[in-house]
Amino acid sequence: MVTHAGGCHCGAVAFEVDAPAQLEVTECNCSICGPSAYQHLIVPRDRFRLLRGEDFLSTYTFGTRTAQHLFCRTCGVKSFYVPRSHPDGISVNARCLAPGTVAGKTVGSFDGEHWEEARAALESAAAHEISLATSDAEIAACFAVMRELRPHLVEADFVAQVRRQQAHGYQLAQRRGAAGPVAVAGFRCSEALAWGRYLYVDDLVTLASERSRGHGEQLIAWLCDYARRHGCAQLHLDSGVQRFAAHRFYLRQGMSITSHHFALDLERRS
């Protein structure tokens, strides 16, 4: 993950966005994106920072008026906007990024002329996009999701910490959406006298803006399949006593409450 600088043509609008150096962008053929050759880099709002130019932006809407198209009043360039597909996120025009931090682009397509059908197909495909985060870039991209569950984590240390845990069997699975990971699970396979070989889920979290869309259920199903393929007979996890919504979710997945978890803070115990 790096910080990219961008803005409009005249310089009145400037922003920063946190994204991988190797960008995954989308080109859309709808009535507004096609003529402008807009390249969508969709990110969560907390990875976008408008540095200047808010007073120079004009808003244009049409159709459902969900999308907020933002143009510089001076030069007319749309360097970012709020997309209909991700109203809680930001779509940055990858063509408006300064070149120094962009290592390359992978360009996909979206059939905006048939928006509803294309969106449904995209969501259906995303249901199968669960994979292990193995590269530093993939691990770093999971931080924005993980910090919603583990707010004490430091972004600058995240990749190194995951790498240390991987040396002891830890794995990080990600479910990707159009803008990057929307749900992640940290887990490990182990063996115990009590359970035999089992998969333990250390972390399981979905972005707040993406909850109630089946991401957690898909991750649990993927973890169960992974456990079976690696010779595990059981899946286990702990959940804080205060996380009632999570408890209901786990029970709906067929899990049982089988024990109490006891902990002792050794640093406080003299």
Protein backbone atom coordinates (compact mmCIF):
# COMPACT_ATOMS: atom_id res chain seq x y z
CA MET A 1 0.00 0.00 0.00
CA VAL A 2 1.35 3.40 -0.99
CA THR A 3 0.01 6.94 -0.94
CA HIS A 4 -0.79 8.27 -4.41
CA ALA A 5 -1.21 11.98 -5.16
CA GLY A 6 -3.77 13.19 -7.67
CA GLY A 7 -6.00 16.02 -8.73
CA CYS A 8 -7.58 17.93 -11.58
CA HIS A 9 -5.84 19.55 -14.58
CA CYS A 10 -5.60 23.10 -13.24
CA GLY A 11 -4.45 22.04 -9.77
CA ALA A 12 -7.35 23.58 -7.87
CA VAL A 13 -8.42 20.11 -6.67
CA ALA A 14 -5.82 17.89 -5.01
CA PHE A 15 -6.11 14.67 -3.03
CA GLU A 16 -4.26 11.66 -1.66
CA VAL A 17 -5.40 8.06 -1.87
CA ASP A 18 -3.96 4.93 -0.24
CA ALA A 19 -3.87 2.03 -2.70
CA PRO A 20 -1.46 -0.63 -3.96
CA ALA A 21 1.32 0.47 -6.31
CA GLN A 22 0.00 -2.03 -8.86
CA LEU A 23 -3.52 -0.75 -9.45
CA GLU A 24 -6.62 -2.75 -10.32
CA VAL A 25 -8.91 -0.36 -12.19
CA THR A 26 -12.15 -0.67 -14.13
CA GLU A 27 -13.34 1.01 -17.32
CA CYS A 28 -17.09 1.48 -17.73
CA ASN A 29 -19.00 1.99 -20.98
CA CYS A 30 -21.95 3.89 -19.51
CA SER A 31 -23.19 7.18 -20.96
CA ILE A 32 -20.92 9.30 -18.74
CA CYS A 33 -17.84 7.13 -18.10
CA GLY A 34 -17.37 5.98 -21.68
CA PRO A 35 -17.03 9.41 -23.34
CA SER A 36 -14.63 10.61 -20.63
CA ALA A 37 -12.49 7.39 -20.62
CA TYR A 38 -12.74 7.35 -16.82
CA GLN A 39 -10.67 4.66 -15.07
CA HIS A 40 -12.25 3.67 -11.75
CA LEU A 41 -10.05 3.03 -8.73
CA ILE A 42 -12.66 2.41 -6.03
CA VAL A 43 -11.50 2.72 -2.41
CA PRO A 44 -13.09 3.01 1.05
CA ARG A 45 -13.61 6.62 2.10
CA ASP A 46 -11.04 6.40 4.88
CA ARG A 47 -8.33 5.77 2.27
CA PHE A 48 -9.13 9.02 0.43
CA ARG A 49 -8.17 12.52 1.61
CA LEU A 50 -9.19 15.71 -0.18
CA LEU A 51 -6.32 18.15 0.38
CA ARG A 52 -7.80 21.20 -1.32
CA GLY A 53 -10.43 22.32 -3.76
CA GLU A 54 -13.75 21.45 -2.10
CA ASP A 55 -15.03 24.93 -2.95
CA PHE A 56 -14.07 24.37 -6.61
CA LEU A 57 -16.21 21.23 -7.03
CA SER A 58 -19.55 21.19 -8.83
CA THR A 59 -21.89 18.21 -8.43
CA TYR A 60 -23.82 16.63 -11.30
CA THR A 61 -26.39 13.85 -10.86
CA PHE A 62 -28.71 11.99 -13.21
CA GLY A 63 -30.80 8.82 -13.33
CA THR A 64 -31.10 7.39 -9.82
CA ARG A 65 -29.07 10.39 -8.51
CA THR A 66 -27.11 8.01 -6.29
CA ALA A 67 -23.80 8.80 -7.95
CA GLN A 68 -22.34 12.21 -7.13
CA HIS A 69 -20.23 13.30 -10.11
CA LEU A 70 -17.77 15.97 -8.96
CA PHE A 71 -16.16 18.27 -11.53
CA CYS A 72 -13.63 21.06 -11.08
CA ARG A 73 -15.45 24.31 -11.95
CA THR A 74 -12.26 25.75 -13.46
CA CYS A 75 -10.92 23.00 -15.76
CA GLY A 76 -13.90 20.62 -15.89
CA VAL A 77 -11.96 17.50 -14.90
CA LYS A 78 -13.65 14.79 -12.81
CA SER A 79 -10.73 13.42 -10.78
CA PHE A 80 -12.91 11.55 -8.25
CA TYR A 81 -16.58 11.07 -7.37
CA VAL A 82 -19.04 9.03 -5.31
CA PRO A 83 -20.08 6.04 -7.46
CA ARG A 84 -23.51 4.47 -7.60
CA SER A 85 -21.99 1.01 -7.19
CA HIS A 86 -20.19 1.98 -3.96
CA PRO A 87 -22.02 4.96 -2.39
CA ASP A 88 -20.01 4.51 0.82
CA GLY A 89 -16.72 4.69 -1.08
CA ILE A 90 -14.86 6.90 -3.52
CA SER A 91 -14.01 6.28 -7.17
CA VAL A 92 -10.72 7.93 -8.07
CA ASN A 93 -9.90 8.50 -11.73
CA ALA A 94 -6.66 6.56 -12.08
CA ARG A 95 -5.76 8.76 -15.06
CA CYS A 96 -5.59 11.71 -12.64
CA LEU A 97 -2.91 10.15 -10.39
CA ALA A 98 0.66 11.41 -10.42
CA PRO A 99 2.80 8.77 -12.18
CA GLY A 100 5.60 8.46 -9.63
CA THR A 101 3.87 5.95 -7.33
CA VAL A 102 1.96 3.90 -9.92
CA ALA A 103 3.87 0.73 -10.79
CA GLY A 104 1.28 -0.43 -13.31
CA LYS A 105 -2.41 -1.02 -13.95
CA THR A 106 -4.59 -4.05 -14.49
CA VAL A 107 -7.66 -2.84 -16.38
CA GLY A 108 -10.99 -4.62 -16.12
CA SER A 109 -14.34 -3.74 -17.66
CA PHE A 110 -17.86 -3.04 -16.40
CA ASP A 111 -20.90 -3.04 -18.68
CA GLY A 112 -22.46 0.18 -17.44
CA GLU A 113 -24.85 0.28 -20.39
CA HIS A 114 -26.62 -2.62 -18.64
CA TRP A 115 -25.89 -1.49 -15.10
CA GLU A 116 -28.27 -3.66 -13.08
CA GLU A 117 -27.28 -6.88 -14.85
CA ALA A 118 -23.57 -6.03 -14.67
CA ARG A 119 -23.79 -5.21 -10.97
CA ALA A 120 -25.60 -8.49 -10.23
CA ALA A 121 -22.97 -10.43 -12.19
CA LEU A 122 -20.19 -8.61 -10.34
CA GLU A 123 -21.67 -9.44 -6.94
CA SER A 124 -22.15 -13.06 -7.97
CA ALA A 125 -18.54 -13.33 -9.12
CA ALA A 126 -17.29 -11.65 -5.97
CA ALA A 127 -18.90 -14.41 -3.90
CA HIS A 128 -16.19 -16.76 -5.18
CA GLU A 129 -13.26 -14.37 -4.84
CA ILE A 130 -11.86 -15.74 -1.59
CA SER A 131 -8.15 -16.43 -1.50
CA LEU A 132 -5.15 -16.39 0.79
CA ALA A 133 -3.32 -13.08 1.07
CA THR A 134 0.26 -14.12 0.32
CA SER A 135 2.14 -11.10 -1.02
CA ASP A 136 3.05 -8.07 1.07
CA ALA A 137 0.67 -5.96 -1.04
CA GLU A 138 -2.22 -8.38 -0.49
CA ILE A 139 -1.57 -8.53 3.25
CA ALA A 140 -1.31 -4.73 3.49
CA ALA A 141 -4.61 -4.36 1.63
CA CYS A 142 -6.32 -6.37 4.40
CA PHE A 143 -5.37 -3.86 7.10
CA ALA A 144 -8.32 -1.51 6.52
CA VAL A 145 -10.70 -4.42 7.22
CA MET A 146 -8.73 -5.96 10.08
CA ARG A 147 -8.46 -2.73 12.04
CA GLU A 148 -12.25 -2.67 12.46
CA LEU A 149 -11.83 -5.75 14.65
CA ARG A 150 -8.33 -5.02 15.99
CA PRO A 151 -8.15 -1.20 16.35
CA HIS A 152 -4.90 -1.41 18.36
CA LEU A 153 -2.95 -2.59 15.30
CA VAL A 154 -0.48 -0.20 13.65
CA GLU A 155 -0.59 -0.10 9.86
CA ALA A 156 3.17 0.32 9.49
CA ASP A 157 3.75 -2.89 11.49
CA PHE A 158 0.89 -4.96 10.10
CA VAL A 159 2.66 -6.84 7.31
CA ALA A 160 5.65 -7.68 9.51
CA GLN A 161 3.38 -8.97 12.27
CA VAL A 162 1.41 -11.17 9.88
CA ARG A 163 4.69 -12.51 8.47
CA ARG A 164 5.86 -13.41 12.01
CA GLN A 165 2.61 -15.22 12.71
CA GLN A 166 2.81 -17.05 9.37
CA ALA A 167 6.01 -18.65 10.59
CA HIS A 168 3.80 -20.40 13.19
CA GLY A 169 1.05 -21.42 10.78
CA TYR A 170 -1.13 -18.31 10.63
CA GLN A 171 -2.94 -17.64 7.34
CA LEU A 172 -4.94 -14.63 6.18
CA ALA A 173 -7.91 -15.21 3.88
CA GLN A 174 -9.58 -12.35 2.06
CA ARG A 175 -12.88 -11.93 0.29
CA ARG A 176 -12.44 -9.30 -2.37
CA GLY A 177 -14.89 -6.79 -3.73
CA ALA A 178 -14.42 -4.35 -6.57
CA ALA A 179 -12.32 -2.00 -4.42
CA GLY A 180 -10.31 -4.60 -2.51
CA PRO A 181 -10.89 -6.85 0.50
CA VAL A 182 -14.30 -6.49 2.14
CA ALA A 183 -13.92 -9.32 4.67
CA VAL A 184 -10.93 -11.17 6.10
CA ALA A 185 -10.25 -14.17 8.30
CA GLY A 186 -7.06 -14.98 10.15
CA PHE A 187 -6.74 -18.67 11.00
CA ARG A 188 -4.38 -21.58 11.62
CA CYS A 189 -4.50 -25.36 11.57
CA SER A 190 -3.27 -27.21 14.64
CA GLU A 191 -3.67 -30.42 16.63
CA ALA A 192 -4.78 -30.99 20.20
CA LEU A 193 -5.44 -33.97 22.46
CA ALA A 194 -8.95 -32.63 23.07
CA TRP A 195 -10.01 -32.14 19.45
CA GLY A 196 -7.53 -33.87 17.20
CA ARG A 197 -6.65 -31.84 14.12
CA TYR A 198 -8.66 -28.60 13.95
CA LEU A 199 -8.80 -25.17 12.32
CA TYR A 200 -8.84 -22.20 14.69
CA VAL A 201 -10.19 -18.82 13.55
CA ASP A 202 -8.21 -16.01 15.19
CA ASP A 203 -9.89 -13.13 13.36
CA LEU A 204 -13.10 -12.79 11.35
CA VAL A 205 -14.38 -9.38 10.30
CA THR A 206 -16.30 -7.64 7.52
CA LEU A 207 -16.14 -3.94 6.68
CA ALA A 208 -18.97 -2.11 8.41
CA SER A 209 -20.20 -0.77 5.07
CA GLU A 210 -20.35 -4.32 3.63
CA ARG A 211 -22.11 -6.18 6.44
CA SER A 212 -25.33 -8.17 5.97
CA ARG A 213 -24.32 -8.99 2.39
CA GLY A 214 -23.26 -12.61 2.98
CA HIS A 215 -19.49 -12.01 3.16
CA GLY A 216 -19.08 -13.58 6.61
CA GLU A 217 -21.18 -16.60 5.67
CA GLN A 218 -19.09 -17.14 2.53
CA LEU A 219 -15.86 -16.91 4.55
CA ILE A 220 -17.12 -19.47 7.08
CA ALA A 221 -18.05 -21.84 4.23
CA TRP A 222 -14.60 -21.32 2.65
CA LEU A 223 -12.87 -21.97 6.01
CA CYS A 224 -14.85 -25.18 6.54
CA ASP A 225 -13.85 -26.39 3.08
CA TYR A 226 -10.21 -25.44 3.72
CA ALA A 227 -10.30 -27.31 7.06
CA ARG A 228 -11.65 -30.49 5.46
CA ARG A 229 -9.06 -30.35 2.65
CA HIS A 230 -6.30 -30.08 5.27
CA GLY A 231 -7.45 -32.97 7.40
CA CYS A 232 -9.23 -31.03 10.14
CA ALA A 233 -12.27 -32.54 11.83
CA GLN A 234 -13.38 -29.39 13.68
CA LEU A 235 -13.45 -25.59 13.40
CA HIS A 236 -13.11 -23.46 16.54
CA LEU A 237 -13.17 -19.76 17.40
CA ASP A 238 -13.55 -17.47 20.40
CA SER A 239 -15.83 -14.44 20.51
CA GLY A 240 -15.92 -11.64 23.08
CA VAL A 241 -18.76 -11.97 25.57
CA GLN A 242 -20.08 -8.54 24.52
CA ARG A 243 -20.36 -9.36 20.79
CA PHE A 244 -23.99 -10.47 20.77
CA ALA A 245 -24.55 -9.86 17.06
CA ALA A 246 -21.53 -12.02 16.27
CA HIS A 247 -22.83 -14.77 18.56
CA ARG A 248 -26.15 -14.82 16.70
CA PHE A 249 -24.27 -15.03 13.41
CA TYR A 250 -22.14 -17.98 14.59
CA LEU A 251 -25.18 -19.83 15.88
CA ARG A 252 -26.88 -19.36 12.50
CA GLN A 253 -23.84 -21.00 10.91
CA GLY A 254 -24.52 -24.14 12.97
CA MET A 255 -21.89 -23.54 15.65
CA SER A 256 -22.35 -24.44 19.31
CA ILE A 257 -21.20 -22.69 22.47
CA THR A 258 -19.05 -25.44 23.97
CA SER A 259 -16.88 -23.82 26.65
CA HIS A 260 -15.79 -20.73 28.56
CA HIS A 261 -12.49 -19.07 27.65
CA PHE A 262 -10.31 -17.97 30.58
CA ALA A 263 -7.42 -15.51 30.26
CA LEU A 264 -4.74 -14.17 32.59
CA ASP A 265 -2.80 -10.97 31.94
CA LEU A 266 0.72 -11.96 33.02
CA GLU A 267 2.09 -8.42 32.70
CA ARG A 268 -0.31 -7.22 35.39
CA ARG A 269 0.15 -10.25 37.64
CA SER A 270 3.12 -9.84 39.95
